[in-house]
């Protein structure tokens, strides 16, 4: 996989912070996932929601608890 492009993020607005969070997630998962357009936009939307104070529930934690 090619290296991710260098992105300089400036500012402390919610969109800028969400973009920085997206970049951290992409760096952490670049060996595990394909970062296609849909993944990037969906993940950025999740980042923006979280930065705005929303809690995102993916249901994975509940599924693991039920299996145990």
N, C-alpha and C. Protein backbone atom coordinates (compact mmCIF):
# COMPACT_ATOMS: atom_id res chain seq x y z
N UNK A 1 0.83 -1.17 0.00
CA UNK A 1 0.00 0.00 0.00
C UNK A 1 0.89 1.24 0.00
N UNK A 2 0.49 2.22 -0.75
CA UNK A 2 1.25 3.47 -0.80
C UNK A 2 1.11 4.20 0.53
N UNK A 3 2.11 5.01 0.82
CA UNK A 3 2.05 5.81 2.04
C UNK A 3 0.90 6.81 1.93
N UNK A 4 0.35 7.15 3.08
CA UNK A 4 -0.71 8.15 3.11
C UNK A 4 -0.12 9.51 2.76
N UNK A 5 -0.90 10.36 2.10
CA UNK A 5 -0.39 11.68 1.76
C UNK A 5 -0.17 12.52 3.02
N UNK A 6 0.80 13.42 2.95
CA UNK A 6 1.06 14.31 4.08
C UNK A 6 -0.04 15.36 4.12
N UNK A 7 -0.66 15.50 5.29
CA UNK A 7 -1.72 16.48 5.47
C UNK A 7 -1.35 17.34 6.66
N UNK A 8 -1.18 18.63 6.43
CA UNK A 8 -0.93 19.57 7.52
C UNK A 8 -2.28 20.10 7.99
N UNK A 9 -2.56 19.91 9.26
CA UNK A 9 -3.83 20.32 9.83
C UNK A 9 -3.57 21.50 10.77
N UNK A 10 -4.24 22.60 10.49
CA UNK A 10 -4.07 23.79 11.30
C UNK A 10 -5.42 24.19 11.88
N UNK A 11 -5.39 24.78 13.07
CA UNK A 11 -6.60 25.29 13.67
C UNK A 11 -7.15 24.35 14.73
N UNK A 12 -8.15 24.85 15.43
CA UNK A 12 -8.74 24.07 16.50
C UNK A 12 -10.26 23.98 16.34
N UNK A 13 -10.74 24.17 15.12
CA UNK A 13 -12.16 24.02 14.86
C UNK A 13 -12.54 22.54 14.92
N UNK A 14 -13.81 22.26 15.13
CA UNK A 14 -14.25 20.86 15.18
C UNK A 14 -13.90 20.10 13.90
N UNK A 15 -14.11 20.68 12.70
CA UNK A 15 -13.71 19.95 11.49
C UNK A 15 -12.21 19.66 11.43
N UNK A 16 -11.38 20.59 11.89
CA UNK A 16 -9.93 20.36 11.88
C UNK A 16 -9.54 19.26 12.85
N UNK A 17 -10.14 19.26 14.02
CA UNK A 17 -9.85 18.23 15.01
C UNK A 17 -10.34 16.87 14.51
N UNK A 18 -11.51 16.84 13.88
CA UNK A 18 -12.03 15.60 13.32
C UNK A 18 -11.11 15.06 12.23
N UNK A 19 -10.57 15.95 11.42
CA UNK A 19 -9.63 15.54 10.37
C UNK A 19 -8.36 14.96 10.98
N UNK A 20 -7.87 15.58 12.05
CA UNK A 20 -6.69 15.05 12.73
C UNK A 20 -6.99 13.67 13.32
N UNK A 21 -8.18 13.49 13.91
CA UNK A 21 -8.57 12.19 14.45
C UNK A 21 -8.67 11.16 13.34
N UNK A 22 -9.25 11.54 12.21
CA UNK A 22 -9.32 10.64 11.06
C UNK A 22 -7.92 10.20 10.64
N UNK A 23 -7.01 11.13 10.60
CA UNK A 23 -5.62 10.81 10.21
C UNK A 23 -5.00 9.80 11.18
N UNK A 24 -5.24 9.98 12.47
CA UNK A 24 -4.73 9.05 13.47
C UNK A 24 -5.31 7.65 13.24
N UNK A 25 -6.60 7.59 12.98
CA UNK A 25 -7.26 6.30 12.75
C UNK A 25 -6.72 5.65 11.48
N UNK A 26 -6.54 6.45 10.43
CA UNK A 26 -6.01 5.90 9.18
C UNK A 26 -4.60 5.36 9.37
N UNK A 27 -3.76 6.09 10.10
CA UNK A 27 -2.40 5.63 10.37
C UNK A 27 -2.41 4.33 11.16
N UNK A 28 -3.32 4.22 12.12
CA UNK A 28 -3.37 3.05 12.98
C UNK A 28 -3.94 1.82 12.26
N UNK A 29 -4.76 2.04 11.24
CA UNK A 29 -5.43 0.91 10.60
C UNK A 29 -4.98 0.67 9.16
N UNK A 30 -3.93 1.33 8.71
CA UNK A 30 -3.56 1.24 7.29
C UNK A 30 -3.17 -0.17 6.86
N UNK A 31 -2.73 -1.02 7.76
CA UNK A 31 -2.37 -2.38 7.39
C UNK A 31 -3.56 -3.33 7.45
N UNK A 32 -4.66 -2.90 8.06
CA UNK A 32 -5.79 -3.78 8.30
C UNK A 32 -6.97 -3.53 7.38
N UNK A 33 -7.12 -2.31 6.88
CA UNK A 33 -8.31 -1.94 6.13
C UNK A 33 -7.95 -1.24 4.84
N UNK A 34 -8.89 -1.30 3.90
CA UNK A 34 -8.77 -0.53 2.68
C UNK A 34 -9.47 0.79 2.90
N UNK A 35 -8.77 1.85 2.65
CA UNK A 35 -9.34 3.17 2.86
C UNK A 35 -9.92 3.69 1.55
N UNK A 36 -11.09 3.20 1.20
CA UNK A 36 -11.74 3.71 0.00
C UNK A 36 -12.56 4.95 0.34
N UNK A 37 -13.13 5.55 -0.66
CA UNK A 37 -13.87 6.80 -0.49
C UNK A 37 -14.97 6.67 0.56
N UNK A 38 -15.77 5.62 0.49
CA UNK A 38 -16.86 5.44 1.44
C UNK A 38 -16.35 5.30 2.86
N UNK A 39 -15.27 4.54 3.04
CA UNK A 39 -14.70 4.36 4.39
C UNK A 39 -14.22 5.69 4.94
N UNK A 40 -13.51 6.46 4.10
CA UNK A 40 -12.97 7.74 4.55
C UNK A 40 -14.09 8.70 4.95
N UNK A 41 -15.10 8.83 4.10
CA UNK A 41 -16.19 9.77 4.40
C UNK A 41 -17.00 9.33 5.61
N UNK A 42 -17.26 8.05 5.73
CA UNK A 42 -18.01 7.53 6.88
C UNK A 42 -17.23 7.71 8.17
N UNK A 43 -15.95 7.42 8.13
CA UNK A 43 -15.11 7.55 9.32
C UNK A 43 -14.95 9.02 9.70
N UNK A 44 -14.80 9.90 8.71
CA UNK A 44 -14.71 11.33 9.02
C UNK A 44 -16.02 11.82 9.66
N UNK A 45 -17.15 11.36 9.15
CA UNK A 45 -18.44 11.75 9.73
C UNK A 45 -18.52 11.30 11.18
N UNK A 46 -18.05 10.08 11.46
CA UNK A 46 -18.01 9.59 12.84
C UNK A 46 -17.09 10.45 13.70
N UNK A 47 -15.93 10.80 13.16
CA UNK A 47 -14.98 11.64 13.90
C UNK A 47 -15.59 13.00 14.21
N UNK A 48 -16.25 13.58 13.23
CA UNK A 48 -16.86 14.89 13.42
C UNK A 48 -17.97 14.81 14.48
N UNK A 49 -18.74 13.74 14.46
CA UNK A 49 -19.79 13.57 15.46
C UNK A 49 -19.20 13.43 16.85
N UNK A 50 -18.15 12.64 16.98
CA UNK A 50 -17.51 12.44 18.28
C UNK A 50 -16.91 13.74 18.80
N UNK A 51 -16.24 14.47 17.94
CA UNK A 51 -15.65 15.75 18.34
C UNK A 51 -16.75 16.70 18.81
N UNK A 52 -17.93 16.60 18.21
CA UNK A 52 -19.05 17.44 18.59
C UNK A 52 -19.76 16.97 19.85
N UNK A 53 -19.32 15.84 20.42
CA UNK A 53 -19.89 15.37 21.68
C UNK A 53 -20.78 14.16 21.58
N UNK A 54 -21.00 13.64 20.39
CA UNK A 54 -21.86 12.46 20.23
C UNK A 54 -21.13 11.20 20.68
N UNK A 55 -21.91 10.22 21.09
CA UNK A 55 -21.36 8.91 21.39
C UNK A 55 -21.76 7.98 20.26
N UNK A 56 -20.79 7.31 19.69
CA UNK A 56 -21.03 6.40 18.58
C UNK A 56 -21.10 4.98 19.12
N UNK A 57 -22.19 4.28 18.83
CA UNK A 57 -22.35 2.90 19.27
C UNK A 57 -22.32 2.00 18.04
N UNK A 58 -21.30 1.17 17.96
CA UNK A 58 -21.17 0.26 16.83
C UNK A 58 -21.77 -1.10 17.12
N UNK A 59 -22.21 -1.34 18.34
CA UNK A 59 -22.83 -2.60 18.69
C UNK A 59 -21.85 -3.73 18.90
N UNK A 60 -20.58 -3.52 18.59
CA UNK A 60 -19.58 -4.58 18.73
C UNK A 60 -19.38 -4.98 20.18
N UNK A 61 -19.36 -4.01 21.08
CA UNK A 61 -19.15 -4.31 22.48
C UNK A 61 -20.30 -5.14 23.03
N UNK A 62 -21.53 -4.80 22.62
CA UNK A 62 -22.71 -5.55 23.06
C UNK A 62 -22.68 -6.98 22.55
N UNK A 63 -22.29 -7.16 21.28
CA UNK A 63 -22.21 -8.50 20.72
C UNK A 63 -21.19 -9.35 21.46
N UNK A 64 -20.03 -8.78 21.80
CA UNK A 64 -19.01 -9.52 22.52
C UNK A 64 -19.49 -9.89 23.92
N UNK A 65 -20.23 -8.99 24.57
CA UNK A 65 -20.74 -9.26 25.91
C UNK A 65 -21.77 -10.38 25.88
N UNK A 66 -22.60 -10.40 24.85
CA UNK A 66 -23.62 -11.43 24.73
C UNK A 66 -23.00 -12.80 24.46
N UNK A 67 -21.88 -12.82 23.72
CA UNK A 67 -21.23 -14.09 23.39
C UNK A 67 -20.52 -14.69 24.59
N UNK A 68 -20.09 -13.87 25.53
CA UNK A 68 -19.31 -14.33 26.69
C UNK A 68 -20.17 -15.04 27.70
